[in-house]
Amino acid sequence: MTNRIVLTSVLSAFALAGLANAQTGSGTLGVTATVDGSINLTFVTDASGLAVTGTTTSTASLPFGHVQMYGGTVPAGVTKTVSGTTSFSLATPFDVRVDLANSASTTYTLNATLATADAVNKWFIGATDISSAAAFALTAAGEFGTAVPYTLKITVPASEAGGLITNSIGFTAIGG
C-alpha cells in the first residue's frame, strides 16, 4: 500500500510539473472600419395613386394594365384624359422617399432618366418631358426622410398601334 501511495504521489508530481510547463499563446486583433455616407431611395404608393408594385423598395413598378383611348376601365388612382381624336394620357401620382445615413448632407438633387428614348409616346414626371432619355433634374433641394409626391403621365397618340408599352425610369438622388 505504501508503494502505491508513493507511486501515486510521484505520478501526481509529474502531472503538476507538466502543467507548470504548459504552453500558452496570446494575440491582439486590431479592428478598423471606414463608415461611408449612404443614400437609400425607395418608391411608395401615393394615397391617391395607382398601387406601386414593390412599394417601399428601390425597384418598383406601376402596372397600368389594359387601357384604351375610348371606353374601357381606368385603374383606381389613374386619371385618363382624352385629347379629341389625337391622343390620350394616363397619369398617376407616386411618391419617392430618400433617406440618408452617416452624412452631413441636408438636401439632395433628384434626377430622372427614361431608360429608352420614346419618339412615339410622351413621358412626363410632373411638367418635365423625359421622353428623350436624357437625365432631368426633378428637384435641386429635396428633403431627406420625406415621401415626396410626383406624377407620372404617359401620352399615347391615337396613331400608336395596340400593344404593350414598356419602359423604365431611373431615379438618382445625389446628396448636396
Protein backbone atom coordinates (compact mmCIF):
# COMPACT_ATOMS: atom_id res chain seq x y z
CA MET A 1 0.00 0.00 0.00
CA THR A 2 2.87 2.34 0.83
CA ASN A 3 4.29 1.67 -2.64
CA ARG A 4 1.01 2.69 -4.16
CA ILE A 5 0.90 5.94 -2.23
CA VAL A 6 4.48 6.72 -3.20
CA LEU A 7 3.76 5.84 -6.85
CA THR A 8 0.61 7.98 -6.84
CA SER A 9 2.50 10.88 -5.28
CA VAL A 10 5.30 10.60 -7.85
CA LEU A 11 2.83 10.48 -10.75
CA SER A 12 0.92 13.45 -9.32
CA ALA A 13 4.15 15.41 -9.04
CA PHE A 14 4.99 14.67 -12.70
CA ALA A 15 1.47 15.73 -13.74
CA LEU A 16 1.73 19.02 -11.84
CA ALA A 17 5.17 19.61 -13.25
CA GLY A 18 3.68 19.10 -16.74
CA LEU A 19 1.03 21.73 -16.02
CA ALA A 20 3.60 24.15 -14.76
CA ASN A 21 5.41 23.83 -18.12
CA ALA A 22 2.20 24.10 -20.26
CA GLN A 23 2.47 26.14 -23.45
CA THR A 24 0.40 29.33 -23.84
CA GLY A 25 -0.08 31.91 -26.54
CA SER A 26 -1.77 35.28 -26.85
CA GLY A 27 -2.51 37.81 -29.53
CA THR A 28 -4.27 41.04 -30.34
CA LEU A 29 -6.80 41.63 -33.14
CA GLY A 30 -6.92 45.16 -34.50
CA VAL A 31 -10.24 46.33 -35.94
CA THR A 32 -10.79 49.22 -38.36
CA ALA A 33 -13.75 50.32 -40.42
CA THR A 34 -14.38 53.35 -42.58
CA VAL A 35 -18.00 54.42 -42.46
CA ASP A 36 -19.18 55.98 -45.71
CA GLY A 37 -22.29 58.08 -46.09
CA SER A 38 -25.12 56.41 -48.00
CA ILE A 39 -28.45 57.25 -49.57
CA ASN A 40 -31.46 54.95 -49.86
CA LEU A 41 -34.11 55.76 -52.49
CA THR A 42 -37.48 53.98 -52.36
CA PHE A 43 -40.79 54.25 -54.20
CA VAL A 44 -44.00 54.46 -52.21
CA THR A 45 -47.65 54.17 -53.22
CA ASP A 46 -49.21 57.62 -53.08
CA ALA A 47 -52.52 57.68 -51.17
CA SER A 48 -54.35 58.91 -54.29
CA GLY A 49 -52.34 56.99 -56.89
CA LEU A 50 -52.08 53.62 -58.56
CA ALA A 51 -50.69 50.95 -56.22
CA VAL A 52 -46.92 50.69 -56.70
CA THR A 53 -45.81 47.08 -57.05
CA GLY A 54 -42.78 46.80 -54.78
CA THR A 55 -43.75 49.78 -52.65
CA THR A 56 -41.04 50.80 -50.13
CA THR A 57 -38.33 49.22 -52.31
CA SER A 58 -35.89 50.74 -54.78
CA THR A 59 -37.12 48.51 -57.61
CA ALA A 60 -40.82 49.07 -58.17
CA SER A 61 -43.33 49.32 -60.99
CA LEU A 62 -46.62 50.96 -61.91
CA PRO A 63 -48.83 48.31 -63.58
CA PHE A 64 -51.47 50.24 -65.56
CA GLY A 65 -52.85 47.02 -67.06
CA HIS A 66 -55.03 47.11 -70.18
CA VAL A 67 -56.07 50.64 -71.14
CA GLN A 68 -57.68 52.19 -74.18
CA MET A 69 -58.42 55.63 -75.55
CA TYR A 70 -62.18 55.16 -75.84
CA GLY A 71 -64.12 53.32 -73.17
CA GLY A 72 -62.55 50.69 -71.02
CA THR A 73 -61.94 50.79 -67.30
CA VAL A 74 -59.42 53.16 -65.80
CA PRO A 75 -57.48 51.64 -62.89
CA ALA A 76 -58.07 53.13 -59.44
CA GLY A 77 -55.74 56.06 -58.81
CA VAL A 78 -55.22 56.76 -62.54
CA THR A 79 -56.59 59.75 -64.41
CA LYS A 80 -57.30 59.33 -68.12
CA THR A 81 -57.55 62.42 -70.33
CA VAL A 82 -58.66 62.15 -73.97
CA SER A 83 -57.45 64.95 -76.27
CA GLY A 84 -60.06 64.92 -79.00
CA THR A 85 -59.18 62.27 -81.56
CA THR A 86 -55.39 62.75 -81.40
CA SER A 87 -54.22 61.16 -78.14
CA PHE A 88 -54.98 60.12 -74.59
CA SER A 89 -52.98 60.44 -71.39
CA LEU A 90 -52.76 58.32 -68.28
CA ALA A 91 -51.48 59.95 -65.09
CA THR A 92 -50.92 58.75 -61.55
CA PRO A 93 -49.11 60.11 -58.53
CA PHE A 94 -46.40 58.07 -56.80
CA ASP A 95 -44.01 59.03 -54.02
CA VAL A 96 -40.22 58.96 -53.81
CA ARG A 97 -38.55 58.76 -50.41
CA VAL A 98 -34.85 59.44 -49.98
CA ASP A 99 -33.13 58.60 -46.69
CA LEU A 100 -29.61 59.49 -45.61
CA ALA A 101 -27.16 57.84 -43.21
CA ASN A 102 -23.73 58.88 -41.96
CA SER A 103 -23.53 62.14 -43.88
CA ALA A 104 -23.87 65.84 -43.15
CA SER A 105 -25.80 66.49 -46.38
CA THR A 106 -29.01 68.40 -45.75
CA THR A 107 -30.61 68.19 -49.20
CA TYR A 108 -30.38 66.15 -52.38
CA THR A 109 -30.85 66.58 -56.11
CA LEU A 110 -33.22 64.08 -57.72
CA ASN A 111 -32.73 63.19 -61.38
CA ALA A 112 -34.94 61.04 -63.61
CA THR A 113 -33.91 59.32 -66.85
CA LEU A 114 -36.13 57.28 -69.15
CA ALA A 115 -34.23 54.07 -69.95
CA THR A 116 -35.04 54.08 -73.68
CA ALA A 117 -35.94 57.20 -75.65
CA ASP A 118 -39.52 57.10 -76.93
CA ALA A 119 -40.23 59.07 -80.13
CA VAL A 120 -43.89 57.95 -80.22
CA ASN A 121 -45.27 58.29 -76.69
CA LYS A 122 -44.57 61.20 -74.35
CA TRP A 123 -43.37 60.50 -70.82
CA PHE A 124 -43.62 63.18 -68.13
CA ILE A 125 -42.69 63.43 -64.47
CA GLY A 126 -44.77 66.40 -63.41
CA ALA A 127 -44.30 69.00 -66.15
CA THR A 128 -40.89 67.63 -67.21
CA ASP A 129 -40.85 65.73 -70.52
CA ILE A 130 -38.33 62.90 -70.05
CA SER A 131 -39.07 61.16 -73.38
CA SER A 132 -35.58 61.80 -74.80
CA ALA A 133 -33.87 59.55 -72.22
CA ALA A 134 -31.60 62.36 -71.04
CA ALA A 135 -31.20 62.98 -67.31
CA PHE A 136 -33.57 65.61 -65.98
CA ALA A 137 -33.39 67.27 -62.55
CA LEU A 138 -36.72 67.00 -60.75
CA THR A 139 -35.59 68.84 -57.63
CA ALA A 140 -32.40 70.53 -56.51
CA ALA A 141 -33.27 70.73 -52.81
CA GLY A 142 -35.04 67.53 -51.82
CA GLU A 143 -35.69 66.89 -48.14
CA PHE A 144 -34.38 63.63 -46.68
CA GLY A 145 -36.78 61.33 -44.84
CA THR A 146 -39.96 62.57 -46.53
CA ALA A 147 -42.07 60.82 -49.16
CA VAL A 148 -42.36 63.40 -51.96
CA PRO A 149 -45.21 63.04 -54.47
CA TYR A 150 -44.52 63.10 -58.22
CA THR A 151 -46.93 62.45 -61.08
CA LEU A 152 -46.11 60.13 -63.96
CA LYS A 153 -48.02 60.91 -67.15
CA ILE A 154 -47.84 58.93 -70.38
CA THR A 155 -49.41 60.41 -73.51
CA VAL A 156 -50.25 57.89 -76.24
CA PRO A 157 -51.13 59.11 -79.74
CA ALA A 158 -54.22 57.65 -81.43
CA SER A 159 -51.93 56.53 -84.27
CA GLU A 160 -49.98 54.19 -81.92
CA ALA A 161 -50.62 50.53 -82.73
CA GLY A 162 -52.23 48.50 -79.97
CA GLY A 163 -49.78 46.52 -77.86
CA LEU A 164 -47.50 46.70 -74.87
CA ILE A 165 -45.89 49.98 -73.85
CA THR A 166 -42.97 49.31 -71.58
CA ASN A 167 -40.03 51.34 -70.34
CA SER A 168 -38.40 52.17 -67.06
CA ILE A 169 -37.34 55.36 -65.37
CA GLY A 170 -34.10 55.54 -63.44
CA PHE A 171 -34.05 57.88 -60.46
CA THR A 172 -30.80 59.12 -58.91
CA ALA A 173 -30.55 61.06 -55.65
CA ILE A 174 -27.29 62.96 -55.11
CA GLY A 175 -26.60 64.38 -51.65
CA GLY A 176 -25.69 68.04 -51.57
